[in-house]
Amino acid sequence: MRSSLVSSLFIFVSSVVAWGDVGHRTVGYLAEKYFSDEGKEFVHSLLANENDWDISDAATWADVIKYHRPYSREWHYIDAKDDPPHHCDLQLLRDCPQDGCIISQIVNQTNLVLDTSNSHTTRREALMYIIHFIGDLHQPLHTERMARGGNGIHTCFDHRCSRENLHGIWDTDIVHKLNGLRHSEKHDTLKDAAAKWGRVLFDQAQGQSAQAEECNDVKEPEHCALAWGQEANGLVCSYVMKPGVEWLEKNDLGGEYFEGAAPIVAAQISRAGTRLGAYVNALAAEIAKGTPAIPVAGKRFDL
């Protein structure tokens, strides 16, 4: 039996531009292009909905539900206790709190999906969390503690200064400019732009061959998630915060900074979509083998 809350949120998400709406939708659309037949059937069996639904709605769902479930807000990131731009370093035991973080939740939600004794709603929501969190983990500032992941670094982008911060610029502004979108674009345009960008990134990656070396260990998912998080965290030092906080706050980031950031953003979105596709296929294959139920250790898996 479908959850009425989940169904209503699929309608609500259509009117909400959550953080990185285009980015998350693109990750979903791109991943879909990599799904095996088994993967497609698995996703359809859990996410088919009577509303006008597609994979990109599942990709944005977690950003809507967090307003109804405040406890889940901390699941979207991990705060590396490092010192950018001098030193970047993500450590799971040190940086993931007892209440959970994005890496522990990728583990927990993976286990919930694999446990076929769970309800349809539980497994459905777990898959939507996975789709979203794999996207989040590839945004470098979702792996960084300094200035609340860049939210406390106030700056300008294309002469907009009043409400801009570094985190939001990486979430949305760079993505919008890269895709020729205005800052105030609404839902339908964003969805179309995401679908187009997904096709472009798929073609640039030469299709299925891009998946060959991707991590897809769904039995020990912390390995994949930690590797992806460490890769994203490294970008905080190598580019995102490399100029230093003072420079970032004094300069408009819509010019030369954007030119360097744009290919990084495109590469991270492409990696997230490719990896999500491989991960979903691995989930489907594991379930098809009749994987036994896996217990979930509360809000934080056993580190």
C-alpha atoms as a PDB file:
ATOM      1  CA  MET A   1       0.000   0.000   0.000  1.00  0.00           C
ATOM      2  CA  ARG A   2       1.480   3.313  -1.028  1.00  0.00           C
ATOM      3  CA  SER A   3       2.152   5.963   1.570  1.00  0.00           C
ATOM      4  CA  SER A   4      -0.125   8.992   1.092  1.00  0.00           C
ATOM      5  CA  LEU A   5       2.650  11.233   2.415  1.00  0.00           C
ATOM      6  CA  VAL A   6       5.109   9.970  -0.183  1.00  0.00           C
ATOM      7  CA  SER A   7       2.544  10.373  -2.972  1.00  0.00           C
ATOM      8  CA  SER A   8       1.676  13.912  -1.952  1.00  0.00           C
ATOM      9  CA  LEU A   9       5.346  14.843  -1.810  1.00  0.00           C
ATOM     10  CA  PHE A  10       5.831  13.824  -5.432  1.00  0.00           C
ATOM     11  CA  ILE A  11       3.279  16.530  -6.251  1.00  0.00           C
ATOM     12  CA  PHE A  12       4.859  19.030  -3.836  1.00  0.00           C
ATOM     13  CA  VAL A  13       8.377  18.550  -5.177  1.00  0.00           C
ATOM     14  CA  SER A  14       7.212  19.750  -8.593  1.00  0.00           C
ATOM     15  CA  SER A  15       6.703  23.248  -7.178  1.00  0.00           C
ATOM     16  CA  VAL A  16       9.861  23.355  -5.101  1.00  0.00           C
ATOM     17  CA  VAL A  17      13.323  24.215  -6.338  1.00  0.00           C
ATOM     18  CA  ALA A  18      15.370  22.528  -3.631  1.00  0.00           C
ATOM     19  CA  TRP A  19      19.168  22.884  -3.525  1.00  0.00           C
ATOM     20  CA  GLY A  20      20.717  21.741  -6.728  1.00  0.00           C
ATOM     21  CA  ASP A  21      17.430  20.871  -8.404  1.00  0.00           C
ATOM     22  CA  VAL A  22      19.038  20.703 -11.846  1.00  0.00           C
ATOM     23  CA  GLY A  23      22.049  18.838 -10.503  1.00  0.00           C
ATOM     24  CA  HIS A  24      20.012  16.175  -8.694  1.00  0.00           C
ATOM     25  CA  ARG A  25      17.606  15.708 -11.590  1.00  0.00           C
ATOM     26  CA  THR A  26      20.516  15.348 -14.006  1.00  0.00           C
ATOM     27  CA  VAL A  27      22.112  12.691 -11.803  1.00  0.00           C
ATOM     28  CA  GLY A  28      18.834  10.761 -11.893  1.00  0.00           C
ATOM     29  CA  TYR A  29      18.344  11.075 -15.637  1.00  0.00           C
ATOM     30  CA  LEU A  30      21.961  10.119 -16.325  1.00  0.00           C
ATOM     31  CA  ALA A  31      21.870   7.101 -13.988  1.00  0.00           C
ATOM     32  CA  GLU A  32      18.731   5.872 -15.743  1.00  0.00           C
ATOM     33  CA  LYS A  33      20.665   5.634 -19.011  1.00  0.00           C
ATOM     34  CA  TYR A  34      23.022   3.133 -17.380  1.00  0.00           C
ATOM     35  CA  PHE A  35      20.349   0.880 -15.854  1.00  0.00           C
ATOM     36  CA  SER A  36      20.421  -2.754 -16.901  1.00  0.00           C
ATOM     37  CA  ASP A  37      17.083  -4.410 -17.691  1.00  0.00           C
ATOM     38  CA  GLU A  38      17.212  -5.865 -14.174  1.00  0.00           C
ATOM     39  CA  GLY A  39      17.964  -2.410 -12.767  1.00  0.00           C
ATOM     40  CA  LYS A  40      15.082  -0.810 -14.652  1.00  0.00           C
ATOM     41  CA  GLU A  41      12.624  -3.403 -13.358  1.00  0.00           C
ATOM     42  CA  PHE A  42      13.935  -3.029  -9.803  1.00  0.00           C
ATOM     43  CA  VAL A  43      13.520   0.763  -9.844  1.00  0.00           C
ATOM     44  CA  HIS A  44      10.090   0.551 -11.451  1.00  0.00           C
ATOM     45  CA  SER A  45       8.913  -2.013  -8.884  1.00  0.00           C
ATOM     46  CA  LEU A  46       9.698   0.358  -6.013  1.00  0.00           C
ATOM     47  CA  LEU A  47       9.124   3.803  -7.488  1.00  0.00           C
ATOM     48  CA  ALA A  48       6.213   3.478  -9.926  1.00  0.00           C
ATOM     49  CA  ASN A  49       3.643   6.070  -8.943  1.00  0.00           C
ATOM     50  CA  GLU A  50       0.207   7.111 -10.158  1.00  0.00           C
ATOM     51  CA  ASN A  51       1.344  10.740 -10.459  1.00  0.00           C
ATOM     52  CA  ASP A  52       3.287  12.188 -13.375  1.00  0.00           C
ATOM     53  CA  TRP A  53       6.545  10.784 -11.994  1.00  0.00           C
ATOM     54  CA  ASP A  54      10.028  10.192 -13.326  1.00  0.00           C
ATOM     55  CA  ILE A  55      13.443   9.337 -11.886  1.00  0.00           C
ATOM     56  CA  SER A  56      14.315  13.001 -11.359  1.00  0.00           C
ATOM     57  CA  ASP A  57      11.450  13.413  -8.882  1.00  0.00           C
ATOM     58  CA  ALA A  58      12.897  10.584  -6.803  1.00  0.00           C
ATOM     59  CA  ALA A  59      16.266  12.368  -6.959  1.00  0.00           C
ATOM     60  CA  THR A  60      14.865  15.539  -5.336  1.00  0.00           C
ATOM     61  CA  TRP A  61      12.486  13.894  -2.837  1.00  0.00           C
ATOM     62  CA  ALA A  62      14.932  13.823   0.095  1.00  0.00           C
ATOM     63  CA  ASP A  63      15.331  17.604  -0.006  1.00  0.00           C
ATOM     64  CA  VAL A  64      11.587  18.010   0.414  1.00  0.00           C
ATOM     65  CA  ILE A  65      11.022  15.365   3.069  1.00  0.00           C
ATOM     66  CA  LYS A  66      13.721  16.809   5.341  1.00  0.00           C
ATOM     67  CA  TYR A  67      11.350  19.687   6.176  1.00  0.00           C
ATOM     68  CA  HIS A  68       8.894  17.097   7.495  1.00  0.00           C
ATOM     69  CA  ARG A  69      11.643  14.997   9.090  1.00  0.00           C
ATOM     70  CA  PRO A  70      14.144  17.436  10.622  1.00  0.00           C
ATOM     71  CA  TYR A  71      16.241  14.582  11.998  1.00  0.00           C
ATOM     72  CA  SER A  72      17.201  13.668   8.426  1.00  0.00           C
ATOM     73  CA  ARG A  73      18.868  17.003   7.640  1.00  0.00           C
ATOM     74  CA  GLU A  74      22.239  15.840   8.975  1.00  0.00           C
ATOM     75  CA  TRP A  75      22.119  12.835   6.650  1.00  0.00           C
ATOM     76  CA  HIS A  76      22.889  15.012   3.614  1.00  0.00           C
ATOM     77  CA  TYR A  77      26.521  15.787   4.449  1.00  0.00           C
ATOM     78  CA  ILE A  78      29.625  14.883   6.415  1.00  0.00           C
ATOM     79  CA  ASP A  79      31.726  17.581   8.094  1.00  0.00           C
ATOM     80  CA  ALA A  80      35.416  16.914   7.513  1.00  0.00           C
ATOM     81  CA  LYS A  81      37.402  18.330  10.410  1.00  0.00           C
ATOM     82  CA  ASP A  82      40.257  19.474   8.201  1.00  0.00           C
ATOM     83  CA  ASP A  83      41.805  22.843   7.323  1.00  0.00           C
ATOM     84  CA  PRO A  84      41.174  23.959   3.735  1.00  0.00           C
ATOM     85  CA  PRO A  85      42.780  25.225   1.632  1.00  0.00           C
ATOM     86  CA  HIS A  86      45.931  24.050   3.430  1.00  0.00           C
ATOM     87  CA  HIS A  87      44.813  20.511   4.155  1.00  0.00           C
ATOM     88  CA  CYS A  88      41.791  18.419   3.146  1.00  0.00           C
ATOM     89  CA  ASP A  89      41.145  15.074   4.779  1.00  0.00           C
ATOM     90  CA  LEU A  90      37.928  13.104   5.247  1.00  0.00           C
ATOM     91  CA  GLN A  91      37.964  10.379   7.917  1.00  0.00           C
ATOM     92  CA  LEU A  92      34.872   8.321   8.636  1.00  0.00           C
ATOM     93  CA  LEU A  93      35.456   7.541  12.325  1.00  0.00           C
ATOM     94  CA  ARG A  94      36.437  11.136  13.119  1.00  0.00           C
ATOM     95  CA  ASP A  95      33.912  13.008  10.985  1.00  0.00           C
ATOM     96  CA  CYS A  96      30.676  10.964  11.111  1.00  0.00           C
ATOM     97  CA  PRO A  97      28.756  11.717  14.356  1.00  0.00           C
ATOM     98  CA  GLN A  98      26.637   9.281  16.337  1.00  0.00           C
ATOM     99  CA  ASP A  99      23.447  10.712  14.835  1.00  0.00           C
ATOM    100  CA  GLY A 100      24.657   9.765  11.367  1.00  0.00           C
ATOM    101  CA  CYS A 101      26.059  11.395   8.253  1.00  0.00           C
ATOM    102  CA  ILE A 102      25.721  10.947   4.513  1.00  0.00           C
ATOM    103  CA  ILE A 103      28.093   7.972   4.403  1.00  0.00           C
ATOM    104  CA  SER A 104      26.459   6.068   7.266  1.00  0.00           C
ATOM    105  CA  GLN A 105      23.070   6.741   5.708  1.00  0.00           C
ATOM    106  CA  ILE A 106      24.094   5.409   2.300  1.00  0.00           C
ATOM    107  CA  VAL A 107      25.026   2.253   4.205  1.00  0.00           C
ATOM    108  CA  ASN A 108      21.817   2.128   6.233  1.00  0.00           C
ATOM    109  CA  GLN A 109      19.509   2.912   3.327  1.00  0.00           C
ATOM    110  CA  THR A 110      21.286   0.316   1.186  1.00  0.00           C
ATOM    111  CA  ASN A 111      20.677  -2.295   3.867  1.00  0.00           C
ATOM    112  CA  LEU A 112      17.018  -1.286   4.105  1.00  0.00           C
ATOM    113  CA  VAL A 113      16.577  -1.759   0.360  1.00  0.00           C
ATOM    114  CA  LEU A 114      18.328  -5.133   0.353  1.00  0.00           C
ATOM    115  CA  ASP A 115      16.188  -6.438   3.206  1.00  0.00           C
ATOM    116  CA  THR A 116      13.152  -7.661   1.264  1.00  0.00           C
ATOM    117  CA  SER A 117      11.280  -8.335   4.511  1.00  0.00           C
ATOM    118  CA  ASN A 118      10.863  -4.574   4.925  1.00  0.00           C
ATOM    119  CA  SER A 119       7.663  -2.901   3.762  1.00  0.00           C
ATOM    120  CA  HIS A 120       7.317  -1.559   0.239  1.00  0.00           C
ATOM    121  CA  THR A 121       7.217   2.002   1.595  1.00  0.00           C
ATOM    122  CA  THR A 122      10.386   1.535   3.665  1.00  0.00           C
ATOM    123  CA  ARG A 123      12.313   0.134   0.717  1.00  0.00           C
ATOM    124  CA  ARG A 124      10.882   2.739  -1.659  1.00  0.00           C
ATOM    125  CA  GLU A 125      11.962   5.619   0.546  1.00  0.00           C
ATOM    126  CA  ALA A 126      15.371   4.018   1.111  1.00  0.00           C
ATOM    127  CA  LEU A 127      15.976   3.858  -2.641  1.00  0.00           C
ATOM    128  CA  MET A 128      15.002   7.521  -3.010  1.00  0.00           C
ATOM    129  CA  TYR A 129      17.417   8.448  -0.234  1.00  0.00           C
ATOM    130  CA  ILE A 130      20.205   6.524  -1.980  1.00  0.00           C
ATOM    131  CA  ILE A 131      19.508   8.275  -5.285  1.00  0.00           C
ATOM    132  CA  HIS A 132      19.686  11.657  -3.571  1.00  0.00           C
ATOM    133  CA  PHE A 133      22.614  11.005  -1.239  1.00  0.00           C
ATOM    134  CA  ILE A 134      24.897   9.711  -3.976  1.00  0.00           C
ATOM    135  CA  GLY A 135      24.239  13.024  -5.731  1.00  0.00           C
ATOM    136  CA  ASP A 136      24.883  15.038  -2.562  1.00  0.00           C
ATOM    137  CA  LEU A 137      28.137  13.219  -1.855  1.00  0.00           C
ATOM    138  CA  HIS A 138      29.607  14.493  -5.121  1.00  0.00           C
ATOM    139  CA  GLN A 139      29.051  18.165  -4.192  1.00  0.00           C
ATOM    140  CA  PRO A 140      32.417  19.032  -2.587  1.00  0.00           C
ATOM    141  CA  LEU A 141      30.954  21.316   0.076  1.00  0.00           C
ATOM    142  CA  HIS A 142      28.764  18.476   1.377  1.00  0.00           C
ATOM    143  CA  THR A 143      32.013  16.956   2.670  1.00  0.00           C
ATOM    144  CA  GLU A 144      33.394  20.036   4.440  1.00  0.00           C
ATOM    145  CA  ARG A 145      32.870  21.580   7.897  1.00  0.00           C
ATOM    146  CA  MET A 146      34.567  24.977   7.391  1.00  0.00           C
ATOM    147  CA  ALA A 147      32.046  27.855   7.466  1.00  0.00           C
ATOM    148  CA  ARG A 148      29.209  25.301   7.587  1.00  0.00           C
ATOM    149  CA  GLY A 149      30.169  23.823   4.244  1.00  0.00           C
ATOM    150  CA  GLY A 150      30.682  27.263   2.726  1.00  0.00           C
ATOM    151  CA  ASN A 151      27.263  28.571   3.811  1.00  0.00           C
ATOM    152  CA  GLY A 152      29.048  31.116   6.002  1.00  0.00           C
ATOM    153  CA  ILE A 153      31.221  32.461   3.173  1.00  0.00           C
ATOM    154  CA  HIS A 154      29.232  35.369   1.710  1.00  0.00           C
ATOM    155  CA  THR A 155      30.242  36.415  -1.764  1.00  0.00           C
ATOM    156  CA  CYS A 156      28.934  37.526  -5.171  1.00  0.00           C
ATOM    157  CA  PHE A 157      28.062  35.773  -8.400  1.00  0.00           C
ATOM    158  CA  ASP A 158      27.432  37.720 -11.602  1.00  0.00           C
ATOM    159  CA  HIS A 159      26.874  40.904  -9.558  1.00  0.00           C
ATOM    160  CA  ARG A 160      24.315  39.264  -7.249  1.00  0.00           C
ATOM    161  CA  CYS A 161      25.618  39.774  -3.738  1.00  0.00           C
ATOM    162  CA  SER A 162      22.796  40.244  -1.258  1.00  0.00           C
ATOM    163  CA  ARG A 163      21.993  36.579  -0.585  1.00  0.00           C
ATOM    164  CA  GLU A 164      24.842  34.657  -2.205  1.00  0.00           C
ATOM    165  CA  ASN A 165      27.138  32.253  -0.354  1.00  0.00           C
ATOM    166  CA  LEU A 166      29.756  29.788  -1.563  1.00  0.00           C
ATOM    167  CA  HIS A 167      27.647  26.712  -0.870  1.00  0.00           C
ATOM    168  CA  GLY A 168      24.683  28.038  -2.819  1.00  0.00           C
ATOM    169  CA  ILE A 169      26.911  29.052  -5.703  1.00  0.00           C
ATOM    170  CA  TRP A 170      28.183  25.479  -6.016  1.00  0.00           C
ATOM    171  CA  ASP A 171      24.688  24.062  -5.495  1.00  0.00           C
ATOM    172  CA  THR A 172      22.865  26.154  -8.053  1.00  0.00           C
ATOM    173  CA  ASP A 173      24.498  29.211  -9.605  1.00  0.00           C
ATOM    174  CA  ILE A 174      27.343  27.416 -11.381  1.00  0.00           C
ATOM    175  CA  VAL A 175      24.971  24.704 -12.615  1.00  0.00           C
ATOM    176  CA  HIS A 176      22.469  27.263 -13.927  1.00  0.00           C
ATOM    177  CA  LYS A 177      25.078  29.345 -15.720  1.00  0.00           C
ATOM    178  CA  LEU A 178      26.696  26.244 -17.182  1.00  0.00           C
ATOM    179  CA  ASN A 179      23.333  25.267 -18.676  1.00  0.00           C
ATOM    180  CA  GLY A 180      22.345  28.755 -19.860  1.00  0.00           C
ATOM    181  CA  LEU A 181      19.613  29.115 -17.251  1.00  0.00           C
ATOM    182  CA  ARG A 182      18.546  32.308 -15.539  1.00  0.00           C
ATOM    183  CA  HIS A 183      18.863  32.501 -11.778  1.00  0.00           C
ATOM    184  CA  SER A 184      15.064  32.592 -11.403  1.00  0.00           C
ATOM    185  CA  GLU A 185      14.164  29.712 -13.753  1.00  0.00           C
ATOM    186  CA  LYS A 186      11.173  27.647 -12.601  1.00  0.00           C
ATOM    187  CA  HIS A 187      10.474  23.927 -12.359  1.00  0.00           C
ATOM    188  CA  ASP A 188       9.478  22.909 -15.891  1.00  0.00           C
ATOM    189  CA  THR A 189      12.451  24.628 -17.492  1.00  0.00           C
ATOM    190  CA  LEU A 190      14.795  23.118 -14.923  1.00  0.00           C
ATOM    191  CA  LYS A 191      13.489  19.617 -15.535  1.00  0.00           C
ATOM    192  CA  ASP A 192      13.912  19.964 -19.299  1.00  0.00           C
ATOM    193  CA  ALA A 193      17.420  21.362 -18.816  1.00  0.00           C
ATOM    194  CA  ALA A 194      18.358  18.444 -16.560  1.00  0.00           C
ATOM    195  CA  ALA A 195      17.132  15.876 -19.080  1.00  0.00           C
ATOM    196  CA  LYS A 196      19.129  17.584 -21.847  1.00  0.00           C
ATOM    197  CA  TRP A 197      22.263  17.812 -19.692  1.00  0.00           C
ATOM    198  CA  GLY A 198      21.959  14.136 -18.789  1.00  0.00           C
ATOM    199  CA  ARG A 199      21.938  13.228 -22.482  1.00  0.00           C
ATOM    200  CA  VAL A 200      24.973  15.413 -23.152  1.00  0.00           C
ATOM    201  CA  LEU A 201      26.966  13.950 -20.252  1.00  0.00           C
ATOM    202  CA  PHE A 202      26.068  10.417 -21.305  1.00  0.00           C
ATOM    203  CA  ASP A 203      27.280  11.052 -24.841  1.00  0.00           C
ATOM    204  CA  GLN A 204      30.478  12.688 -23.579  1.00  0.00           C
ATOM    205  CA  ALA A 205      31.190   9.685 -21.364  1.00  0.00           C
ATOM    206  CA  GLN A 206      30.776   7.356 -24.370  1.00  0.00           C
ATOM    207  CA  GLY A 207      27.829   5.575 -22.821  1.00  0.00           C
ATOM    208  CA  GLN A 208      28.079   2.263 -21.057  1.00  0.00           C
ATOM    209  CA  SER A 209      31.889   2.089 -21.159  1.00  0.00           C
ATOM    210  CA  ALA A 210      32.038   4.814 -18.499  1.00  0.00           C
ATOM    211  CA  GLN A 211      30.641   2.382 -15.911  1.00  0.00           C
ATOM    212  CA  ALA A 212      33.263  -0.318 -16.264  1.00  0.00           C
ATOM    213  CA  GLU A 213      35.517   0.664 -13.344  1.00  0.00           C
ATOM    214  CA  GLU A 214      32.918   2.137 -10.982  1.00  0.00           C
ATOM    215  CA  CYS A 215      32.606   0.962  -7.378  1.00  0.00           C
ATOM    216  CA  ASN A 216      29.353  -0.912  -6.783  1.00  0.00           C
ATOM    217  CA  ASP A 217      29.950  -2.906  -3.584  1.00  0.00           C
ATOM    218  CA  VAL A 218      26.446  -2.949  -2.093  1.00  0.00           C
ATOM    219  CA  LYS A 219      27.416  -5.577   0.508  1.00  0.00           C
ATOM    220  CA  GLU A 220      29.972  -3.187   2.089  1.00  0.00           C
ATOM    221  CA  PRO A 221      28.745   0.178   0.782  1.00  0.00           C
ATOM    222  CA  GLU A 222      30.896   2.254   3.136  1.00  0.00           C
ATOM    223  CA  HIS A 223      33.858   1.471   0.873  1.00  0.00           C
ATOM    224  CA  CYS A 224      32.312   3.130  -2.170  1.00  0.00           C
ATOM    225  CA  ALA A 225      30.755   6.008  -0.228  1.00  0.00           C
ATOM    226  CA  LEU A 226      33.965   6.856   1.635  1.00  0.00           C
ATOM    227  CA  ALA A 227      36.028   6.804  -1.567  1.00  0.00           C
ATOM    228  CA  TRP A 228      33.560   9.118  -3.317  1.00  0.00           C
ATOM    229  CA  GLY A 229      33.445  11.451  -0.309  1.00  0.00           C
ATOM    230  CA  GLN A 230      37.239  11.641  -0.054  1.00  0.00           C
ATOM    231  CA  GLU A 231      37.463  12.427  -3.774  1.00  0.00           C
ATOM    232  CA  ALA A 232      34.933  15.262  -3.413  1.00  0.00           C
ATOM    233  CA  ASN A 233      36.621  16.567  -0.265  1.00  0.00           C
ATOM    234  CA  GLY A 234      39.928  16.785  -2.122  1.00  0.00           C
ATOM    235  CA  LEU A 235      38.325  19.241  -4.532  1.00  0.00           C
ATOM    236  CA  VAL A 236      37.700  21.650  -1.638  1.00  0.00           C
ATOM    237  CA  CYS A 237      41.448  22.226  -1.368  1.00  0.00           C
ATOM    238  CA  SER A 238      42.375  21.855  -5.022  1.00  0.00           C
ATOM    239  CA  TYR A 239      39.780  24.401  -6.224  1.00  0.00           C
ATOM    240  CA  VAL A 240      36.608  25.223  -4.241  1.00  0.00           C
ATOM    241  CA  MET A 241      38.337  27.024  -1.347  1.00  0.00           C
ATOM    242  CA  LYS A 242      41.827  27.219  -2.825  1.00  0.00           C
ATOM    243  CA  PRO A 243      41.850  31.068  -3.077  1.00  0.00           C
ATOM    244  CA  GLY A 244      41.079  31.399   0.640  1.00  0.00           C
ATOM    245  CA  VAL A 245      38.039  32.814   2.412  1.00  0.00           C
ATOM    246  CA  GLU A 246      39.130  36.469   2.156  1.00  0.00           C
ATOM    247  CA  TRP A 247      39.547  36.268  -1.632  1.00  0.00           C
ATOM    248  CA  LEU A 248      36.254  34.415  -2.088  1.00  0.00           C
ATOM    249  CA  GLU A 249      34.374  37.048  -0.098  1.00  0.00           C
ATOM    250  CA  LYS A 250      35.929  39.991  -1.961  1.00  0.00           C
ATOM    251  CA  ASN A 251      35.547  38.770  -5.542  1.00  0.00           C
ATOM    252  CA  ASP A 252      32.674  38.087  -7.906  1.00  0.00           C
ATOM    253  CA  LEU A 253      32.746  34.339  -8.589  1.00  0.00           C
ATOM    254  CA  GLY A 254      30.836  34.579 -11.873  1.00  0.00           C
ATOM    255  CA  GLY A 255      33.961  35.275 -13.931  1.00  0.00           C
ATOM    256  CA  GLU A 256      37.316  33.488 -13.909  1.00  0.00           C
ATOM    257  CA  TYR A 257      36.368  31.421 -10.846  1.00  0.00           C
ATOM    258  CA  PHE A 258      33.282  30.119 -12.680  1.00  0.00           C
ATOM    259  CA  GLU A 259      35.361  29.196 -15.729  1.00  0.00           C
ATOM    260  CA  GLY A 260      37.490  26.904 -13.579  1.00  0.00           C
ATOM    261  CA  ALA A 261      34.579  25.567 -11.539  1.00  0.00           C
ATOM    262  CA  ALA A 262      32.272  24.675 -14.442  1.00  0.00           C
ATOM    263  CA  PRO A 263      34.202  21.625 -15.703  1.00  0.00           C
ATOM    264  CA  ILE A 264      34.581  20.371 -12.121  1.00  0.00           C
ATOM    265  CA  VAL A 265      30.832  20.593 -11.558  1.00  0.00           C
ATOM    266  CA  ALA A 266      30.106  18.834 -14.855  1.00  0.00           C
ATOM    267  CA  ALA A 267      32.587  16.068 -14.006  1.00  0.00           C
ATOM    268  CA  GLN A 268      31.095  15.562 -10.535  1.00  0.00           C
ATOM    269  CA  ILE A 269      27.530  15.367 -11.861  1.00  0.00           C
ATOM    270  CA  SER A 270      28.697  12.902 -14.519  1.00  0.00           C
ATOM    271  CA  ARG A 271      30.486  10.748 -11.937  1.00  0.00           C
ATOM    272  CA  ALA A 272      27.461  10.764  -9.637  1.00  0.00           C
ATOM    273  CA  GLY A 273      25.088   9.655 -12.394  1.00  0.00           C
ATOM    274  CA  THR A 274      27.421   6.972 -13.689  1.00  0.00           C
ATOM    275  CA  ARG A 275      28.094   5.627 -10.200  1.00  0.00           C
ATOM    276  CA  LEU A 276      24.426   5.720  -9.228  1.00  0.00           C
ATOM    277  CA  GLY A 277      23.562   3.692 -12.316  1.00  0.00           C
ATOM    278  CA  ALA A 278      26.172   1.050 -11.450  1.00  0.00           C
ATOM    279  CA  TYR A 279      25.049   1.017  -7.809  1.00  0.00           C
ATOM    280  CA  VAL A 280      21.379   0.524  -8.679  1.00  0.00           C
ATOM    281  CA  ASN A 281      22.262  -2.313 -11.045  1.00  0.00           C
ATOM    282  CA  ALA A 282      24.275  -3.962  -8.264  1.00  0.00           C
ATOM    283  CA  LEU A 283      21.341  -3.626  -5.854  1.00  0.00           C
ATOM    284  CA  ALA A 284      19.032  -5.243  -8.374  1.00  0.00           C
ATOM    285  CA  ALA A 285      21.480  -8.088  -9.030  1.00  0.00           C
ATOM    286  CA  GLU A 286      21.977  -8.730  -5.302  1.00  0.00           C
ATOM    287  CA  ILE A 287      18.240  -8.849  -4.642  1.00  0.00           C
ATOM    288  CA  ALA A 288      17.750 -11.204  -7.582  1.00  0.00           C
ATOM    289  CA  LYS A 289      20.208 -13.603  -5.916  1.00  0.00           C
ATOM    290  CA  GLY A 290      17.992 -13.749  -2.838  1.00  0.00           C
ATOM    291  CA  THR A 291      20.181 -11.783  -0.423  1.00  0.00           C
ATOM    292  CA  PRO A 292      19.260 -12.536   3.210  1.00  0.00           C
ATOM    293  CA  ALA A 293      17.947  -9.748   5.430  1.00  0.00           C
ATOM    294  CA  ILE A 294      20.645  -7.373   6.747  1.00  0.00           C
ATOM    295  CA  PRO A 295      20.090  -5.726  10.159  1.00  0.00           C
ATOM    296  CA  VAL A 296      20.462  -1.942  10.336  1.00  0.00           C
ATOM    297  CA  ALA A 297      22.201  -0.517  13.396  1.00  0.00           C
ATOM    298  CA  GLY A 298      19.956   2.443  14.158  1.00  0.00           C
ATOM    299  CA  LYS A 299      20.948   5.869  12.865  1.00  0.00           C
ATOM    300  CA  ARG A 300      24.616   4.961  12.480  1.00  0.00           C
ATOM    301  CA  PHE A 301      26.081   1.758  11.127  1.00  0.00           C
ATOM    302  CA  ASP A 302      28.736  -0.042  13.164  1.00  0.00           C
ATOM    303  CA  LEU A 303      31.978   1.756  12.281  1.00  0.00           C
END
